Amino acid sequence: METSEKICPPIIKRPLGRPRIVPPDEPKRRHKCRRCGMYGHHERTCKNSAPLDSTSQGSHEASTNKRSKSN
């Protein structure tokens, strides 16, 4: 295996604008799980069993409808 090309890390650009200063009294954002509805974790890391409601599956199907193009 021959590696003649040098691989470099990507160039890191500083974002434009001044960073926002978060006030100390601003509440922290809490993560809410979509699977069980509890706070503190995401759906991907959820260890609770998934609810067996048929309504949660129906709402997913309704959201797949695409809007028609209008002029």
PDB file of N, CA and C in Angstrom:
ATOM      1  N   MET A   1       0.850  -1.179   0.000  1.00  0.00           N
ATOM      2  CA  MET A   1       0.000   0.000   0.000  1.00  0.00           C
ATOM      3  C   MET A   1       0.893   1.239   0.000  1.00  0.00           C
ATOM      4  N   GLU A   2       0.721   2.065  -0.975  1.00  0.00           N
ATOM      5  CA  GLU A   2       1.571   3.226  -1.145  1.00  0.00           C
ATOM      6  C   GLU A   2       0.784   4.495  -0.836  1.00  0.00           C
ATOM      7  N   THR A   3       1.304   5.313   0.077  1.00  0.00           N
ATOM      8  CA  THR A   3       0.634   6.564   0.438  1.00  0.00           C
ATOM      9  C   THR A   3       1.570   7.725   0.127  1.00  0.00           C
ATOM     10  N   SER A   4       1.426   8.277  -1.041  1.00  0.00           N
ATOM     11  CA  SER A   4       2.273   9.394  -1.444  1.00  0.00           C
ATOM     12  C   SER A   4       1.638  10.744  -1.117  1.00  0.00           C
ATOM     13  N   GLU A   5       0.321  10.773  -0.910  1.00  0.00           N
ATOM     14  CA  GLU A   5      -0.361  12.028  -0.599  1.00  0.00           C
ATOM     15  C   GLU A   5      -0.396  12.246   0.906  1.00  0.00           C
ATOM     16  N   LYS A   6      -0.131  13.457   1.321  1.00  0.00           N
ATOM     17  CA  LYS A   6      -0.175  13.803   2.733  1.00  0.00           C
ATOM     18  C   LYS A   6      -1.595  14.239   3.090  1.00  0.00           C
ATOM     19  N   ILE A   7      -2.154  13.661   4.129  1.00  0.00           N
ATOM     20  CA  ILE A   7      -3.513  13.987   4.565  1.00  0.00           C
ATOM     21  C   ILE A   7      -3.418  14.968   5.722  1.00  0.00           C
ATOM     22  N   CYS A   8      -4.068  16.105   5.566  1.00  0.00           N
ATOM     23  CA  CYS A   8      -4.061  17.151   6.585  1.00  0.00           C
ATOM     24  C   CYS A   8      -5.445  17.272   7.209  1.00  0.00           C
ATOM     25  N   PRO A   9      -5.523  17.749   8.461  1.00  0.00           N
ATOM     26  CA  PRO A   9      -6.835  17.970   9.071  1.00  0.00           C
ATOM     27  C   PRO A   9      -7.551  19.128   8.385  1.00  0.00           C
ATOM     28  N   PRO A  10      -8.884  19.199   8.502  1.00  0.00           N
ATOM     29  CA  PRO A  10      -9.621  20.289   7.857  1.00  0.00           C
ATOM     30  C   PRO A  10      -9.267  21.643   8.465  1.00  0.00           C
ATOM     31  N   ILE A  11      -9.383  22.681   7.654  1.00  0.00           N
ATOM     32  CA  ILE A  11      -9.092  24.038   8.102  1.00  0.00           C
ATOM     33  C   ILE A  11     -10.243  24.509   8.987  1.00  0.00           C
ATOM     34  N   ILE A  12      -9.914  24.985  10.170  1.00  0.00           N
ATOM     35  CA  ILE A  12     -10.933  25.456  11.114  1.00  0.00           C
ATOM     36  C   ILE A  12     -11.104  26.957  10.927  1.00  0.00           C
ATOM     37  N   LYS A  13     -12.345  27.381  10.629  1.00  0.00           N
ATOM     38  CA  LYS A  13     -12.642  28.797  10.442  1.00  0.00           C
ATOM     39  C   LYS A  13     -13.342  29.327  11.685  1.00  0.00           C
ATOM     40  N   ARG A  14     -12.991  30.522  12.076  1.00  0.00           N
ATOM     41  CA  ARG A  14     -13.660  31.178  13.189  1.00  0.00           C
ATOM     42  C   ARG A  14     -14.991  31.721  12.708  1.00  0.00           C
ATOM     43  N   PRO A  15     -16.086  31.470  13.420  1.00  0.00           N
ATOM     44  CA  PRO A  15     -17.374  31.991  12.966  1.00  0.00           C
ATOM     45  C   PRO A  15     -17.422  33.515  13.058  1.00  0.00           C
ATOM     46  N   LEU A  16     -18.215  34.117  12.175  1.00  0.00           N
ATOM     47  CA  LEU A  16     -18.365  35.561  12.163  1.00  0.00           C
ATOM     48  C   LEU A  16     -19.249  36.025  13.312  1.00  0.00           C
ATOM     49  N   GLY A  17     -19.060  37.231  13.733  1.00  0.00           N
ATOM     50  CA  GLY A  17     -19.905  37.823  14.763  1.00  0.00           C
ATOM     51  C   GLY A  17     -19.353  37.622  16.162  1.00  0.00           C
ATOM     52  N   ARG A  18     -19.971  38.319  17.075  1.00  0.00           N
ATOM     53  CA  ARG A  18     -19.547  38.249  18.465  1.00  0.00           C
ATOM     54  C   ARG A  18     -20.295  37.129  19.172  1.00  0.00           C
ATOM     55  N   PRO A  19     -19.618  36.325  19.983  1.00  0.00           N
ATOM     56  CA  PRO A  19     -20.320  35.260  20.689  1.00  0.00           C
ATOM     57  C   PRO A  19     -21.308  35.812  21.712  1.00  0.00           C
ATOM     58  N   ARG A  20     -22.415  35.130  21.851  1.00  0.00           N
ATOM     59  CA  ARG A  20     -23.459  35.559  22.772  1.00  0.00           C
ATOM     60  C   ARG A  20     -23.044  35.249  24.201  1.00  0.00           C
ATOM     61  N   ILE A  21     -23.224  36.213  25.096  1.00  0.00           N
ATOM     62  CA  ILE A  21     -22.921  36.012  26.508  1.00  0.00           C
ATOM     63  C   ILE A  21     -24.193  35.516  27.186  1.00  0.00           C
ATOM     64  N   VAL A  22     -24.123  34.299  27.713  1.00  0.00           N
ATOM     65  CA  VAL A  22     -25.288  33.692  28.348  1.00  0.00           C
ATOM     66  C   VAL A  22     -25.387  34.215  29.776  1.00  0.00           C
ATOM     67  N   PRO A  23     -26.534  34.822  30.152  1.00  0.00           N
ATOM     68  CA  PRO A  23     -26.679  35.310  31.521  1.00  0.00           C
ATOM     69  C   PRO A  23     -26.740  34.144  32.507  1.00  0.00           C
ATOM     70  N   PRO A  24     -26.242  34.345  33.727  1.00  0.00           N
ATOM     71  CA  PRO A  24     -26.227  33.241  34.699  1.00  0.00           C
ATOM     72  C   PRO A  24     -27.617  32.790  35.139  1.00  0.00           C
ATOM     73  N   ASP A  25     -28.628  33.668  35.023  1.00  0.00           N
ATOM     74  CA  ASP A  25     -29.970  33.282  35.454  1.00  0.00           C
ATOM     75  C   ASP A  25     -30.783  32.630  34.339  1.00  0.00           C
ATOM     76  N   GLU A  26     -30.195  32.461  33.146  1.00  0.00           N
ATOM     77  CA  GLU A  26     -30.906  31.805  32.050  1.00  0.00           C
ATOM     78  C   GLU A  26     -30.962  30.300  32.315  1.00  0.00           C
ATOM     79  N   PRO A  27     -32.149  29.699  32.186  1.00  0.00           N
ATOM     80  CA  PRO A  27     -32.249  28.259  32.469  1.00  0.00           C
ATOM     81  C   PRO A  27     -31.511  27.434  31.428  1.00  0.00           C
ATOM     82  N   LYS A  28     -30.977  26.302  31.881  1.00  0.00           N
ATOM     83  CA  LYS A  28     -30.281  25.387  30.982  1.00  0.00           C
ATOM     84  C   LYS A  28     -31.306  24.668  30.123  1.00  0.00           C
ATOM     85  N   ARG A  29     -30.920  24.307  28.905  1.00  0.00           N
ATOM     86  CA  ARG A  29     -31.814  23.569  28.015  1.00  0.00           C
ATOM     87  C   ARG A  29     -31.798  22.110  28.425  1.00  0.00           C
ATOM     88  N   ARG A  30     -32.974  21.549  28.613  1.00  0.00           N
ATOM     89  CA  ARG A  30     -33.080  20.151  29.010  1.00  0.00           C
ATOM     90  C   ARG A  30     -33.478  19.324  27.806  1.00  0.00           C
ATOM     91  N   HIS A  31     -32.881  18.149  27.666  1.00  0.00           N
ATOM     92  CA  HIS A  31     -33.175  17.250  26.557  1.00  0.00           C
ATOM     93  C   HIS A  31     -34.386  16.406  26.911  1.00  0.00           C
ATOM     94  N   LYS A  32     -35.345  16.333  25.996  1.00  0.00           N
ATOM     95  CA  LYS A  32     -36.534  15.518  26.206  1.00  0.00           C
ATOM     96  C   LYS A  32     -36.518  14.369  25.218  1.00  0.00           C
ATOM     97  N   CYS A  33     -36.722  13.167  25.738  1.00  0.00           N
ATOM     98  CA  CYS A  33     -36.719  11.968  24.912  1.00  0.00           C
ATOM     99  C   CYS A  33     -38.022  11.887  24.137  1.00  0.00           C
ATOM    100  N   ARG A  34     -37.946  11.561  22.840  1.00  0.00           N
ATOM    101  CA  ARG A  34     -39.150  11.419  22.026  1.00  0.00           C
ATOM    102  C   ARG A  34     -39.813  10.075  22.259  1.00  0.00           C
ATOM    103  N   ARG A  35     -39.055   9.095  22.716  1.00  0.00           N
ATOM    104  CA  ARG A  35     -39.588   7.756  22.900  1.00  0.00           C
ATOM    105  C   ARG A  35     -40.420   7.648  24.178  1.00  0.00           C
ATOM    106  N   CYS A  36     -39.849   8.084  25.317  1.00  0.00           N
ATOM    107  CA  CYS A  36     -40.560   7.908  26.588  1.00  0.00           C
ATOM    108  C   CYS A  36     -41.100   9.216  27.153  1.00  0.00           C
ATOM    109  N   GLY A  37     -40.630  10.371  26.665  1.00  0.00           N
ATOM    110  CA  GLY A  37     -41.135  11.656  27.123  1.00  0.00           C
ATOM    111  C   GLY A  37     -40.445  12.191  28.363  1.00  0.00           C
ATOM    112  N   MET A  38     -39.439  11.494  28.877  1.00  0.00           N
ATOM    113  CA  MET A  38     -38.732  11.948  30.071  1.00  0.00           C
ATOM    114  C   MET A  38     -37.599  12.890  29.678  1.00  0.00           C
ATOM    115  N   TYR A  39     -37.180  13.720  30.624  1.00  0.00           N
ATOM    116  CA  TYR A  39     -36.106  14.669  30.391  1.00  0.00           C
ATOM    117  C   TYR A  39     -34.763  14.070  30.803  1.00  0.00           C
ATOM    118  N   GLY A  40     -33.704  14.570  30.199  1.00  0.00           N
ATOM    119  CA  GLY A  40     -32.357  14.190  30.595  1.00  0.00           C
ATOM    120  C   GLY A  40     -31.627  13.310  29.610  1.00  0.00           C
ATOM    121  N   HIS A  41     -32.298  12.816  28.575  1.00  0.00           N
ATOM    122  CA  HIS A  41     -31.623  11.985  27.579  1.00  0.00           C
ATOM    123  C   HIS A  41     -32.354  12.087  26.250  1.00  0.00           C
ATOM    124  N   HIS A  42     -31.697  11.582  25.205  1.00  0.00           N
ATOM    125  CA  HIS A  42     -32.263  11.580  23.857  1.00  0.00           C
ATOM    126  C   HIS A  42     -32.877  10.224  23.560  1.00  0.00           C
ATOM    127  N   GLU A  43     -33.579  10.152  22.435  1.00  0.00           N
ATOM    128  CA  GLU A  43     -34.210   8.901  22.003  1.00  0.00           C
ATOM    129  C   GLU A  43     -33.154   7.834  21.728  1.00  0.00           C
ATOM    130  N   ARG A  44     -32.025   8.231  21.217  1.00  0.00           N
ATOM    131  CA  ARG A  44     -30.979   7.282  20.858  1.00  0.00           C
ATOM    132  C   ARG A  44     -30.410   6.567  22.086  1.00  0.00           C
ATOM    133  N   THR A  45     -30.332   7.279  23.225  1.00  0.00           N
ATOM    134  CA  THR A  45     -29.764   6.694  24.431  1.00  0.00           C
ATOM    135  C   THR A  45     -30.824   6.247  25.423  1.00  0.00           C
ATOM    136  N   CYS A  46     -32.085   6.181  24.999  1.00  0.00           N
ATOM    137  CA  CYS A  46     -33.186   5.818  25.889  1.00  0.00           C
ATOM    138  C   CYS A  46     -33.100   4.345  26.261  1.00  0.00           C
ATOM    139  N   LYS A  47     -33.190   4.061  27.560  1.00  0.00           N
ATOM    140  CA  LYS A  47     -33.150   2.685  28.045  1.00  0.00           C
ATOM    141  C   LYS A  47     -34.533   2.197  28.447  1.00  0.00           C
ATOM    142  N   ASN A  48     -35.529   3.070  28.389  1.00  0.00           N
ATOM    143  CA  ASN A  48     -36.899   2.677  28.711  1.00  0.00           C
ATOM    144  C   ASN A  48     -37.527   1.995  27.509  1.00  0.00           C
ATOM    145  N   SER A  49     -38.515   1.166  27.765  1.00  0.00           N
ATOM    146  CA  SER A  49     -39.178   0.486  26.657  1.00  0.00           C
ATOM    147  C   SER A  49     -40.016   1.483  25.871  1.00  0.00           C
ATOM    148  N   ALA A  50     -40.149   1.246  24.589  1.00  0.00           N
ATOM    149  CA  ALA A  50     -40.911   2.137  23.725  1.00  0.00           C
ATOM    150  C   ALA A  50     -42.393   1.964  23.998  1.00  0.00           C
ATOM    151  N   PRO A  51     -43.178   3.048  24.034  1.00  0.00           N
ATOM    152  CA  PRO A  51     -44.620   2.914  24.227  1.00  0.00           C
ATOM    153  C   PRO A  51     -45.255   2.229  23.027  1.00  0.00           C
ATOM    154  N   LEU A  52     -46.295   1.473  23.264  1.00  0.00           N
ATOM    155  CA  LEU A  52     -46.948   0.709  22.210  1.00  0.00           C
ATOM    156  C   LEU A  52     -48.195   1.409  21.695  1.00  0.00           C
ATOM    157  N   ASP A  53     -48.190   2.736  21.641  1.00  0.00           N
ATOM    158  CA  ASP A  53     -49.337   3.503  21.152  1.00  0.00           C
ATOM    159  C   ASP A  53     -49.336   3.506  19.633  1.00  0.00           C
ATOM    160  N   SER A  54     -50.490   3.283  19.040  1.00  0.00           N
ATOM    161  CA  SER A  54     -50.589   3.337  17.585  1.00  0.00           C
ATOM    162  C   SER A  54     -50.651   4.787  17.101  1.00  0.00           C
ATOM    163  N   THR A  55     -50.956   5.736  18.000  1.00  0.00           N
ATOM    164  CA  THR A  55     -51.048   7.139  17.606  1.00  0.00           C
ATOM    165  C   THR A  55     -49.679   7.704  17.278  1.00  0.00           C
ATOM    166  N   SER A  56     -48.621   7.221  17.921  1.00  0.00           N
ATOM    167  CA  SER A  56     -47.295   7.751  17.635  1.00  0.00           C
ATOM    168  C   SER A  56     -46.845   7.349  16.242  1.00  0.00           C
ATOM    169  N   GLN A  57     -47.250   6.165  15.763  1.00  0.00           N
ATOM    170  CA  GLN A  57     -46.879   5.738  14.428  1.00  0.00           C
ATOM    171  C   GLN A  57     -47.700   6.475  13.380  1.00  0.00           C
ATOM    172  N   GLY A  58     -48.951   6.770  13.667  1.00  0.00           N
ATOM    173  CA  GLY A  58     -49.813   7.470  12.724  1.00  0.00           C
ATOM    174  C   GLY A  58     -49.361   8.892  12.491  1.00  0.00           C
ATOM    175  N   SER A  59     -48.842   9.555  13.524  1.00  0.00           N
ATOM    176  CA  SER A  59     -48.390  10.926  13.351  1.00  0.00           C
ATOM    177  C   SER A  59     -47.150  10.978  12.474  1.00  0.00           C
ATOM    178  N   HIS A  60     -46.344   9.925  12.492  1.00  0.00           N
ATOM    179  CA  HIS A  60     -45.155   9.884  11.645  1.00  0.00           C
ATOM    180  C   HIS A  60     -45.553   9.776  10.179  1.00  0.00           C
ATOM    181  N   GLU A  61     -46.579   8.998   9.892  1.00  0.00           N
ATOM    182  CA  GLU A  61     -47.027   8.844   8.518  1.00  0.00           C
ATOM    183  C   GLU A  61     -47.615  10.143   7.979  1.00  0.00           C
ATOM    184  N   ALA A  62     -48.298  10.898   8.821  1.00  0.00           N
ATOM    185  CA  ALA A  62     -48.907  12.147   8.385  1.00  0.00           C
ATOM    186  C   ALA A  62     -47.839  13.195   8.083  1.00  0.00           C
ATOM    187  N   SER A  63     -46.696  13.123   8.752  1.00  0.00           N
ATOM    188  CA  SER A  63     -45.661  14.123   8.539  1.00  0.00           C
ATOM    189  C   SER A  63     -44.863  13.876   7.273  1.00  0.00           C
ATOM    190  N   THR A  64     -45.050  12.727   6.615  1.00  0.00           N
ATOM    191  CA  THR A  64     -44.297  12.440   5.396  1.00  0.00           C
ATOM    192  C   THR A  64     -44.939  13.049   4.159  1.00  0.00           C
ATOM    193  N   ASN A  65     -46.134  13.639   4.286  1.00  0.00           N
ATOM    194  CA  ASN A  65     -46.784  14.268   3.139  1.00  0.00           C
ATOM    195  C   ASN A  65     -46.000  15.503   2.725  1.00  0.00           C
ATOM    196  N   LYS A  66     -45.809  15.655   1.413  1.00  0.00           N
ATOM    197  CA  LYS A  66     -45.054  16.793   0.911  1.00  0.00           C
ATOM    198  C   LYS A  66     -46.008  17.880   0.437  1.00  0.00           C
ATOM    199  N   ARG A  67     -45.552  19.113   0.535  1.00  0.00           N
ATOM    200  CA  ARG A  67     -46.352  20.238   0.078  1.00  0.00           C
ATOM    201  C   ARG A  67     -46.253  20.336  -1.428  1.00  0.00           C
ATOM    202  N   SER A  68     -47.349  20.716  -2.045  1.00  0.00           N
ATOM    203  CA  SER A  68     -47.332  20.880  -3.495  1.00  0.00           C
ATOM    204  C   SER A  68     -46.711  22.227  -3.841  1.00  0.00           C
ATOM    205  N   LYS A  69     -46.077  22.285  -4.987  1.00  0.00           N
ATOM    206  CA  LYS A  69     -45.418  23.506  -5.424  1.00  0.00           C
ATOM    207  C   LYS A  69     -46.460  24.465  -5.990  1.00  0.00           C
ATOM    208  N   SER A  70     -46.463  25.698  -5.492  1.00  0.00           N
ATOM    209  CA  SER A  70     -47.432  26.683  -5.972  1.00  0.00           C
ATOM    210  C   SER A  70     -46.688  27.875  -6.548  1.00  0.00           C
ATOM    211  N   ASN A  71     -47.298  28.493  -7.543  1.00  0.00           N
ATOM    212  CA  ASN A  71     -46.683  29.666  -8.187  1.00  0.00           C
ATOM    213  C   ASN A  71     -47.385  30.914  -7.794  1.00  0.00           C
TER     214      ASN A  71
END
